[in-house]
Amino acid sequence: MKRKSVLVGLATATLLLASCKENEVDRLRQENEELKETKGLTRSDSVEIYNAIQHDSKRRFATGFLDSIKKRDIKLYEAFIEEAESRNTLLLPD
């Protein structure tokens, strides 16, 4: 039971992460380069860029995790998606 709830949590997190913009990390990397050129990079800018890169790597892990589950057990994958969609308020229309 504990394992199932952990997997449902991971699936929910996966859908939340997948809903984020993929171009945001590229945009922040570009901004990082521009700031370095102007020598105006502050510590908070560096932390923001680091956090965006970490967020992107977590999203990629979650996507890969779901892809591997989809290949091995389609019913479990569908259960993850169904549960995550029912919990994800970001996808509900206003």
N, C-alpha and C. Protein backbone atom coordinates (compact mmCIF):
# COMPACT_ATOMS: atom_id res chain seq x y z
N MET A 1 0.82 -1.19 0.00
CA MET A 1 0.00 0.00 0.00
C MET A 1 0.87 1.25 0.00
N LYS A 2 1.91 1.23 0.82
CA LYS A 2 2.82 2.37 0.89
C LYS A 2 3.48 2.60 -0.47
N ARG A 3 3.87 1.50 -1.10
CA ARG A 3 4.55 1.58 -2.39
C ARG A 3 3.63 2.18 -3.45
N LYS A 4 2.36 1.77 -3.40
CA LYS A 4 1.40 2.28 -4.37
C LYS A 4 1.21 3.78 -4.21
N SER A 5 1.13 4.24 -2.95
CA SER A 5 0.94 5.67 -2.74
C SER A 5 2.16 6.47 -3.16
N VAL A 6 3.35 5.88 -2.99
CA VAL A 6 4.57 6.55 -3.44
C VAL A 6 4.58 6.66 -4.96
N LEU A 7 4.17 5.59 -5.62
CA LEU A 7 4.13 5.60 -7.08
C LEU A 7 3.08 6.59 -7.59
N VAL A 8 1.94 6.67 -6.91
CA VAL A 8 0.91 7.63 -7.30
C VAL A 8 1.45 9.05 -7.12
N GLY A 9 2.19 9.26 -6.03
CA GLY A 9 2.79 10.57 -5.80
C GLY A 9 3.79 10.93 -6.89
N LEU A 10 4.59 9.95 -7.29
CA LEU A 10 5.56 10.18 -8.36
C LEU A 10 4.85 10.51 -9.67
N ALA A 11 3.77 9.82 -9.93
CA ALA A 11 3.04 10.08 -11.17
C ALA A 11 2.43 11.48 -11.15
N THR A 12 1.91 11.88 -9.99
CA THR A 12 1.35 13.22 -9.87
C THR A 12 2.43 14.26 -10.09
N ALA A 13 3.57 14.04 -9.46
CA ALA A 13 4.69 14.97 -9.62
C ALA A 13 5.14 15.03 -11.08
N THR A 14 5.11 13.89 -11.74
CA THR A 14 5.52 13.84 -13.14
C THR A 14 4.63 14.72 -14.01
N LEU A 15 3.34 14.62 -13.80
CA LEU A 15 2.44 15.44 -14.61
C LEU A 15 2.59 16.92 -14.30
N LEU A 16 2.83 17.24 -13.04
CA LEU A 16 3.04 18.64 -12.70
C LEU A 16 4.31 19.18 -13.35
N LEU A 17 5.36 18.36 -13.32
CA LEU A 17 6.62 18.78 -13.94
C LEU A 17 6.50 18.87 -15.45
N ALA A 18 5.74 17.95 -16.04
CA ALA A 18 5.58 17.96 -17.49
C ALA A 18 4.80 19.17 -17.97
N SER A 19 4.00 19.75 -17.08
CA SER A 19 3.21 20.90 -17.48
C SER A 19 4.03 22.19 -17.54
N CYS A 20 5.26 22.15 -17.06
CA CYS A 20 6.12 23.33 -17.07
C CYS A 20 6.66 23.56 -18.49
N LYS A 21 7.04 24.80 -18.77
CA LYS A 21 7.57 25.13 -20.08
C LYS A 21 8.97 24.55 -20.24
N GLU A 22 9.21 23.88 -21.37
CA GLU A 22 10.52 23.30 -21.62
C GLU A 22 11.54 24.36 -22.01
N ASN A 23 11.09 25.44 -22.59
CA ASN A 23 12.01 26.46 -23.07
C ASN A 23 12.54 27.34 -21.95
N GLU A 24 11.97 27.24 -20.76
CA GLU A 24 12.38 28.11 -19.66
C GLU A 24 13.84 27.92 -19.29
N VAL A 25 14.31 26.68 -19.28
CA VAL A 25 15.70 26.41 -18.94
C VAL A 25 16.63 26.99 -20.00
N ASP A 26 16.27 26.81 -21.26
CA ASP A 26 17.09 27.39 -22.33
C ASP A 26 17.12 28.91 -22.24
N ARG A 27 15.99 29.50 -21.92
CA ARG A 27 15.93 30.96 -21.77
C ARG A 27 16.82 31.42 -20.62
N LEU A 28 16.77 30.69 -19.51
CA LEU A 28 17.59 31.06 -18.35
C LEU A 28 19.08 30.87 -18.64
N ARG A 29 19.42 29.83 -19.38
CA ARG A 29 20.83 29.64 -19.76
C ARG A 29 21.31 30.79 -20.63
N GLN A 30 20.45 31.21 -21.57
CA GLN A 30 20.81 32.33 -22.43
C GLN A 30 20.97 33.60 -21.61
N GLU A 31 20.05 33.82 -20.67
CA GLU A 31 20.17 34.98 -19.79
C GLU A 31 21.45 34.92 -18.97
N ASN A 32 21.81 33.72 -18.53
CA ASN A 32 23.05 33.53 -17.77
C ASN A 32 24.25 33.97 -18.60
N GLU A 33 24.29 33.57 -19.84
CA GLU A 33 25.40 33.96 -20.72
C GLU A 33 25.43 35.48 -20.93
N GLU A 34 24.25 36.07 -21.12
CA GLU A 34 24.19 37.52 -21.31
C GLU A 34 24.65 38.26 -20.06
N LEU A 35 24.24 37.78 -18.90
CA LEU A 35 24.65 38.41 -17.65
C LEU A 35 26.15 38.27 -17.41
N LYS A 36 26.71 37.13 -17.78
CA LYS A 36 28.15 36.94 -17.63
C LYS A 36 28.91 37.92 -18.51
N GLU A 37 28.38 38.15 -19.70
CA GLU A 37 29.03 39.09 -20.62
C GLU A 37 29.03 40.50 -20.06
N THR A 38 27.98 40.87 -19.37
CA THR A 38 27.91 42.22 -18.81
C THR A 38 28.47 42.29 -17.40
N LYS A 39 28.92 41.17 -16.87
CA LYS A 39 29.50 41.07 -15.53
C LYS A 39 28.52 41.51 -14.45
N GLY A 40 27.23 41.37 -14.71
CA GLY A 40 26.23 41.79 -13.74
C GLY A 40 25.53 40.62 -13.07
N LEU A 41 26.12 39.45 -13.10
CA LEU A 41 25.50 38.27 -12.52
C LEU A 41 25.60 38.31 -11.00
N THR A 42 24.45 38.26 -10.35
CA THR A 42 24.44 38.27 -8.89
C THR A 42 24.24 36.86 -8.37
N ARG A 43 24.39 36.69 -7.07
CA ARG A 43 24.21 35.37 -6.46
C ARG A 43 22.77 34.88 -6.65
N SER A 44 21.80 35.75 -6.51
CA SER A 44 20.41 35.33 -6.67
C SER A 44 20.13 34.89 -8.11
N ASP A 45 20.77 35.54 -9.09
CA ASP A 45 20.63 35.11 -10.48
C ASP A 45 21.19 33.70 -10.66
N SER A 46 22.35 33.46 -10.07
CA SER A 46 22.97 32.14 -10.17
C SER A 46 22.11 31.07 -9.52
N VAL A 47 21.53 31.38 -8.38
CA VAL A 47 20.66 30.43 -7.68
C VAL A 47 19.41 30.14 -8.51
N GLU A 48 18.84 31.16 -9.12
CA GLU A 48 17.66 30.97 -9.96
C GLU A 48 17.97 30.05 -11.15
N ILE A 49 19.10 30.28 -11.77
CA ILE A 49 19.51 29.45 -12.91
C ILE A 49 19.76 28.02 -12.46
N TYR A 50 20.45 27.85 -11.34
CA TYR A 50 20.72 26.51 -10.80
C TYR A 50 19.40 25.78 -10.52
N ASN A 51 18.45 26.46 -9.89
CA ASN A 51 17.17 25.83 -9.56
C ASN A 51 16.41 25.42 -10.81
N ALA A 52 16.46 26.24 -11.85
CA ALA A 52 15.77 25.89 -13.10
C ALA A 52 16.39 24.65 -13.74
N ILE A 53 17.71 24.55 -13.68
CA ILE A 53 18.39 23.38 -14.25
C ILE A 53 18.05 22.14 -13.45
N GLN A 54 18.02 22.25 -12.12
CA GLN A 54 17.64 21.12 -11.26
C GLN A 54 16.21 20.69 -11.55
N HIS A 55 15.31 21.65 -11.70
CA HIS A 55 13.92 21.36 -11.99
C HIS A 55 13.79 20.61 -13.32
N ASP A 56 14.55 21.05 -14.31
CA ASP A 56 14.53 20.39 -15.62
C ASP A 56 15.02 18.95 -15.52
N SER A 57 16.07 18.71 -14.74
CA SER A 57 16.59 17.34 -14.63
C SER A 57 15.58 16.44 -13.91
N LYS A 58 14.86 16.98 -12.93
CA LYS A 58 13.82 16.20 -12.25
C LYS A 58 12.68 15.87 -13.22
N ARG A 59 12.33 16.83 -14.05
CA ARG A 59 11.27 16.60 -15.04
C ARG A 59 11.67 15.51 -16.03
N ARG A 60 12.92 15.56 -16.45
CA ARG A 60 13.41 14.53 -17.39
C ARG A 60 13.41 13.15 -16.74
N PHE A 61 13.80 13.07 -15.46
CA PHE A 61 13.77 11.79 -14.75
C PHE A 61 12.35 11.26 -14.68
N ALA A 62 11.40 12.12 -14.31
CA ALA A 62 10.01 11.70 -14.17
C ALA A 62 9.45 11.24 -15.51
N THR A 63 9.78 11.93 -16.57
CA THR A 63 9.31 11.54 -17.90
C THR A 63 9.88 10.18 -18.29
N GLY A 64 11.16 9.97 -18.05
CA GLY A 64 11.78 8.68 -18.33
C GLY A 64 11.18 7.56 -17.49
N PHE A 65 10.89 7.87 -16.23
CA PHE A 65 10.27 6.89 -15.34
C PHE A 65 8.91 6.46 -15.88
N LEU A 66 8.10 7.42 -16.27
CA LEU A 66 6.78 7.08 -16.82
C LEU A 66 6.89 6.32 -18.13
N ASP A 67 7.85 6.69 -18.97
CA ASP A 67 8.04 5.97 -20.23
C ASP A 67 8.40 4.51 -19.98
N SER A 68 9.25 4.26 -19.00
CA SER A 68 9.64 2.88 -18.71
C SER A 68 8.46 2.08 -18.15
N ILE A 69 7.63 2.71 -17.33
CA ILE A 69 6.44 2.02 -16.80
C ILE A 69 5.47 1.72 -17.94
N LYS A 70 5.33 2.67 -18.86
CA LYS A 70 4.41 2.49 -19.99
C LYS A 70 4.83 1.28 -20.82
N LYS A 71 6.14 1.09 -20.99
CA LYS A 71 6.64 -0.04 -21.78
C LYS A 71 6.41 -1.37 -21.07
N ARG A 72 6.50 -1.37 -19.73
CA ARG A 72 6.43 -2.62 -18.98
C ARG A 72 5.02 -3.01 -18.54
N ASP A 73 4.21 -2.03 -18.13
CA ASP A 73 2.89 -2.33 -17.59
C ASP A 73 1.94 -1.19 -17.94
N ILE A 74 1.21 -1.37 -19.04
CA ILE A 74 0.35 -0.30 -19.54
C ILE A 74 -0.79 0.00 -18.58
N LYS A 75 -1.30 -1.02 -17.86
CA LYS A 75 -2.39 -0.78 -16.91
C LYS A 75 -1.92 0.08 -15.74
N LEU A 76 -0.73 -0.18 -15.25
CA LEU A 76 -0.17 0.63 -14.17
C LEU A 76 0.06 2.05 -14.65
N TYR A 77 0.56 2.19 -15.86
CA TYR A 77 0.78 3.52 -16.45
C TYR A 77 -0.53 4.28 -16.54
N GLU A 78 -1.57 3.64 -17.04
CA GLU A 78 -2.86 4.29 -17.16
C GLU A 78 -3.42 4.68 -15.80
N ALA A 79 -3.18 3.83 -14.79
CA ALA A 79 -3.63 4.16 -13.43
C ALA A 79 -2.89 5.40 -12.92
N PHE A 80 -1.59 5.50 -13.19
CA PHE A 80 -0.81 6.69 -12.80
C PHE A 80 -1.38 7.94 -13.45
N ILE A 81 -1.61 7.87 -14.73
CA ILE A 81 -2.11 9.02 -15.46
C ILE A 81 -3.49 9.43 -14.95
N GLU A 82 -4.35 8.46 -14.76
CA GLU A 82 -5.70 8.75 -14.28
C GLU A 82 -5.66 9.40 -12.89
N GLU A 83 -4.88 8.85 -12.00
CA GLU A 83 -4.77 9.40 -10.65
C GLU A 83 -4.16 10.80 -10.66
N ALA A 84 -3.12 10.97 -11.45
CA ALA A 84 -2.47 12.28 -11.52
C ALA A 84 -3.40 13.33 -12.11
N GLU A 85 -4.15 12.96 -13.13
CA GLU A 85 -5.08 13.91 -13.73
C GLU A 85 -6.18 14.30 -12.75
N SER A 86 -6.62 13.35 -11.94
CA SER A 86 -7.67 13.67 -10.97
C SER A 86 -7.16 14.58 -9.86
N ARG A 87 -5.87 14.56 -9.59
CA ARG A 87 -5.28 15.39 -8.55
C ARG A 87 -4.71 16.70 -9.07
N ASN A 88 -4.47 16.79 -10.32
CA ASN A 88 -3.80 17.96 -10.90
C ASN A 88 -4.81 19.07 -11.18
N THR A 89 -4.85 20.07 -10.32
CA THR A 89 -5.78 21.17 -10.51
C THR A 89 -5.31 22.15 -11.57
N LEU A 90 -4.02 22.06 -11.95
CA LEU A 90 -3.50 22.98 -12.96
C LEU A 90 -4.10 22.69 -14.33
N LEU A 91 -4.52 21.46 -14.57
CA LEU A 91 -5.05 21.10 -15.88
C LEU A 91 -6.55 21.33 -16.00
N LEU A 92 -7.21 21.64 -14.88
CA LEU A 92 -8.65 21.85 -14.92
C LEU A 92 -8.96 23.23 -15.47
N PRO A 93 -10.00 23.34 -16.31
CA PRO A 93 -10.36 24.65 -16.86
C PRO A 93 -10.92 25.55 -15.77
N ASP A 94 -10.78 26.86 -15.98
CA ASP A 94 -11.28 27.84 -15.00
C ASP A 94 -12.77 28.00 -15.06
